[in-house]
Amino acid sequence: MEVHVSSYIAENAPHTVVILRDITERLDLEEQVRRSQKLDALGRLAGGVAHDFNNLLTVIMSCADLALRAVPQESRSADDLKAIDLESIEKVAPPSRLSKTPGTSAPARSRP
């Protein structure tokens, strides 16, 4: 409840005006706005974390691919590097990472 009180003198007599206003709906709407802003901030944070994670995965996959090209295919190192492939990354990557190559609309291609 919001209360406004005004006093004045008219015709040599004191008068008081009291206005009561129900602000329940306004307070509820303000709370909804606050919750919405919190969710928006959380969404932005999650998006930033996912973006950074995606960047790290890209570096890992690229380095593994380059290293795989530099070692003999029958070596133990090659087997370890092959373990770092799209199937392994799928377990931890955000779904958007697997559907597109970063910065393009082209589907991601798997390594040979």
C-alpha atoms as a PDB file:
ATOM      1  CA  MET A   1       0.000   0.000   0.000  1.00  0.00           C
ATOM      2  CA  GLU A   2       1.282   3.432  -0.909  1.00  0.00           C
ATOM      3  CA  VAL A   3       0.111   6.390   1.203  1.00  0.00           C
ATOM      4  CA  HIS A   4       0.196  10.092   0.322  1.00  0.00           C
ATOM      5  CA  VAL A   5      -0.888  12.667   2.898  1.00  0.00           C
ATOM      6  CA  SER A   6      -1.399  16.374   2.187  1.00  0.00           C
ATOM      7  CA  SER A   7      -2.528  19.097   4.558  1.00  0.00           C
ATOM      8  CA  TYR A   8      -3.801  22.516   3.650  1.00  0.00           C
ATOM      9  CA  ILE A   9      -5.869  25.344   5.077  1.00  0.00           C
ATOM     10  CA  ALA A  10      -8.965  26.510   3.286  1.00  0.00           C
ATOM     11  CA  GLU A  11     -11.555  28.985   4.611  1.00  0.00           C
ATOM     12  CA  ASN A  12      -9.642  29.224   7.896  1.00  0.00           C
ATOM     13  CA  ALA A  13     -10.030  25.478   8.539  1.00  0.00           C
ATOM     14  CA  PRO A  14      -7.317  22.815   8.320  1.00  0.00           C
ATOM     15  CA  HIS A  15      -7.960  19.996   5.844  1.00  0.00           C
ATOM     16  CA  THR A  16      -6.106  16.744   5.278  1.00  0.00           C
ATOM     17  CA  VAL A  17      -6.213  14.611   2.149  1.00  0.00           C
ATOM     18  CA  VAL A  18      -5.116  10.975   2.378  1.00  0.00           C
ATOM     19  CA  ILE A  19      -4.642   8.926  -0.767  1.00  0.00           C
ATOM     20  CA  LEU A  20      -4.177   5.162  -0.499  1.00  0.00           C
ATOM     21  CA  ARG A  21      -3.037   3.250  -3.546  1.00  0.00           C
ATOM     22  CA  ASP A  22      -2.684  -0.547  -3.932  1.00  0.00           C
ATOM     23  CA  ILE A  23       0.705  -1.097  -5.582  1.00  0.00           C
ATOM     24  CA  THR A  24       0.751  -4.900  -5.316  1.00  0.00           C
ATOM     25  CA  GLU A  25       0.571  -5.350  -9.084  1.00  0.00           C
ATOM     26  CA  ARG A  26       3.394  -2.862  -9.692  1.00  0.00           C
ATOM     27  CA  LEU A  27       5.608  -4.614  -7.123  1.00  0.00           C
ATOM     28  CA  ASP A  28       4.870  -7.989  -8.727  1.00  0.00           C
ATOM     29  CA  LEU A  29       5.810  -6.636 -12.163  1.00  0.00           C
ATOM     30  CA  GLU A  30       9.023  -5.142 -10.797  1.00  0.00           C
ATOM     31  CA  GLU A  31       9.934  -8.526  -9.305  1.00  0.00           C
ATOM     32  CA  GLN A  32       9.261 -10.207 -12.663  1.00  0.00           C
ATOM     33  CA  VAL A  33      11.567  -7.699 -14.357  1.00  0.00           C
ATOM     34  CA  ARG A  34      14.307  -8.382 -11.786  1.00  0.00           C
ATOM     35  CA  ARG A  35      13.981 -12.152 -12.308  1.00  0.00           C
ATOM     36  CA  SER A  36      14.062 -11.689 -16.063  1.00  0.00           C
ATOM     37  CA  GLN A  37      17.213  -9.576 -15.820  1.00  0.00           C
ATOM     38  CA  LYS A  38      18.884 -12.216 -13.632  1.00  0.00           C
ATOM     39  CA  LEU A  39      18.018 -14.952 -16.136  1.00  0.00           C
ATOM     40  CA  ASP A  40      19.299 -12.798 -18.984  1.00  0.00           C
ATOM     41  CA  ALA A  41      22.602 -12.262 -17.168  1.00  0.00           C
ATOM     42  CA  LEU A  42      22.890 -15.981 -16.470  1.00  0.00           C
ATOM     43  CA  GLY A  43      22.194 -16.748 -20.131  1.00  0.00           C
ATOM     44  CA  ARG A  44      24.890 -14.322 -21.240  1.00  0.00           C
ATOM     45  CA  LEU A  45      27.357 -15.873 -18.817  1.00  0.00           C
ATOM     46  CA  ALA A  46      26.537 -19.386 -20.009  1.00  0.00           C
ATOM     47  CA  GLY A  47      26.868 -18.269 -23.624  1.00  0.00           C
ATOM     48  CA  GLY A  48      30.284 -16.763 -22.902  1.00  0.00           C
ATOM     49  CA  VAL A  49      31.464 -19.927 -21.158  1.00  0.00           C
ATOM     50  CA  ALA A  50      30.185 -22.080 -24.036  1.00  0.00           C
ATOM     51  CA  HIS A  51      31.943 -19.816 -26.539  1.00  0.00           C
ATOM     52  CA  ASP A  52      35.253 -20.018 -24.646  1.00  0.00           C
ATOM     53  CA  PHE A  53      34.873 -23.788 -24.297  1.00  0.00           C
ATOM     54  CA  ASN A  54      34.191 -24.068 -28.017  1.00  0.00           C
ATOM     55  CA  ASN A  55      37.355 -22.102 -28.754  1.00  0.00           C
ATOM     56  CA  LEU A  56      39.383 -24.484 -26.586  1.00  0.00           C
ATOM     57  CA  LEU A  57      37.886 -27.518 -28.323  1.00  0.00           C
ATOM     58  CA  THR A  58      38.773 -26.068 -31.701  1.00  0.00           C
ATOM     59  CA  VAL A  59      42.396 -25.618 -30.634  1.00  0.00           C
ATOM     60  CA  ILE A  60      42.557 -29.155 -29.208  1.00  0.00           C
ATOM     61  CA  MET A  61      41.057 -30.706 -32.330  1.00  0.00           C
ATOM     62  CA  SER A  62      43.305 -28.679 -34.651  1.00  0.00           C
ATOM     63  CA  CYS A  63      46.475 -29.520 -32.717  1.00  0.00           C
ATOM     64  CA  ALA A  64      45.546 -33.206 -32.594  1.00  0.00           C
ATOM     65  CA  ASP A  65      44.885 -33.190 -36.337  1.00  0.00           C
ATOM     66  CA  LEU A  66      48.216 -31.518 -37.103  1.00  0.00           C
ATOM     67  CA  ALA A  67      50.066 -33.886 -34.774  1.00  0.00           C
ATOM     68  CA  LEU A  68      48.350 -36.901 -36.332  1.00  0.00           C
ATOM     69  CA  ARG A  69      49.598 -35.844 -39.759  1.00  0.00           C
ATOM     70  CA  ALA A  70      53.158 -35.656 -38.417  1.00  0.00           C
ATOM     71  CA  VAL A  71      53.419 -39.132 -36.822  1.00  0.00           C
ATOM     72  CA  PRO A  72      53.460 -42.573 -38.445  1.00  0.00           C
ATOM     73  CA  GLN A  73      49.886 -43.886 -38.666  1.00  0.00           C
ATOM     74  CA  GLU A  74      50.771 -47.220 -37.029  1.00  0.00           C
ATOM     75  CA  SER A  75      52.405 -45.697 -33.944  1.00  0.00           C
ATOM     76  CA  ARG A  76      50.963 -45.604 -30.424  1.00  0.00           C
ATOM     77  CA  SER A  77      50.996 -41.802 -30.644  1.00  0.00           C
ATOM     78  CA  ALA A  78      48.745 -41.969 -33.689  1.00  0.00           C
ATOM     79  CA  ASP A  79      46.314 -44.179 -31.778  1.00  0.00           C
ATOM     80  CA  ASP A  80      46.244 -41.674 -28.914  1.00  0.00           C
ATOM     81  CA  LEU A  81      45.724 -38.768 -31.301  1.00  0.00           C
ATOM     82  CA  LYS A  82      42.948 -40.631 -33.102  1.00  0.00           C
ATOM     83  CA  ALA A  83      41.186 -40.922 -29.737  1.00  0.00           C
ATOM     84  CA  ILE A  84      40.883 -37.139 -29.823  1.00  0.00           C
ATOM     85  CA  ASP A  85      38.373 -37.180 -32.643  1.00  0.00           C
ATOM     86  CA  LEU A  86      34.874 -35.924 -33.219  1.00  0.00           C
ATOM     87  CA  GLU A  87      33.325 -38.893 -31.400  1.00  0.00           C
ATOM     88  CA  SER A  88      35.306 -38.121 -28.233  1.00  0.00           C
ATOM     89  CA  ILE A  89      34.589 -34.407 -28.465  1.00  0.00           C
ATOM     90  CA  GLU A  90      30.842 -35.058 -28.966  1.00  0.00           C
ATOM     91  CA  LYS A  91      30.610 -36.201 -25.353  1.00  0.00           C
ATOM     92  CA  VAL A  92      31.543 -32.777 -23.990  1.00  0.00           C
ATOM     93  CA  ALA A  93      30.906 -30.276 -26.787  1.00  0.00           C
ATOM     94  CA  PRO A  94      27.867 -28.033 -26.865  1.00  0.00           C
ATOM     95  CA  PRO A  95      25.490 -29.193 -29.639  1.00  0.00           C
ATOM     96  CA  SER A  96      26.096 -26.020 -31.686  1.00  0.00           C
ATOM     97  CA  ARG A  97      29.814 -26.862 -31.834  1.00  0.00           C
ATOM     98  CA  LEU A  98      29.109 -30.122 -33.585  1.00  0.00           C
ATOM     99  CA  SER A  99      26.670 -28.787 -36.124  1.00  0.00           C
ATOM    100  CA  LYS A 100      28.763 -25.997 -37.638  1.00  0.00           C
ATOM    101  CA  THR A 101      32.319 -25.014 -38.281  1.00  0.00           C
ATOM    102  CA  PRO A 102      33.016 -21.949 -36.108  1.00  0.00           C
ATOM    103  CA  GLY A 103      32.237 -18.694 -37.868  1.00  0.00           C
ATOM    104  CA  THR A 104      30.441 -20.325 -40.801  1.00  0.00           C
ATOM    105  CA  SER A 105      27.167 -21.978 -41.602  1.00  0.00           C
ATOM    106  CA  ALA A 106      28.935 -24.984 -43.104  1.00  0.00           C
ATOM    107  CA  PRO A 107      28.630 -28.328 -41.333  1.00  0.00           C
ATOM    108  CA  ALA A 108      31.718 -29.462 -39.452  1.00  0.00           C
ATOM    109  CA  ARG A 109      33.741 -32.042 -41.320  1.00  0.00           C
ATOM    110  CA  SER A 110      35.291 -35.018 -39.654  1.00  0.00           C
ATOM    111  CA  ARG A 111      38.979 -35.792 -39.982  1.00  0.00           C
ATOM    112  CA  PRO A 112      40.177 -38.535 -42.344  1.00  0.00           C
END
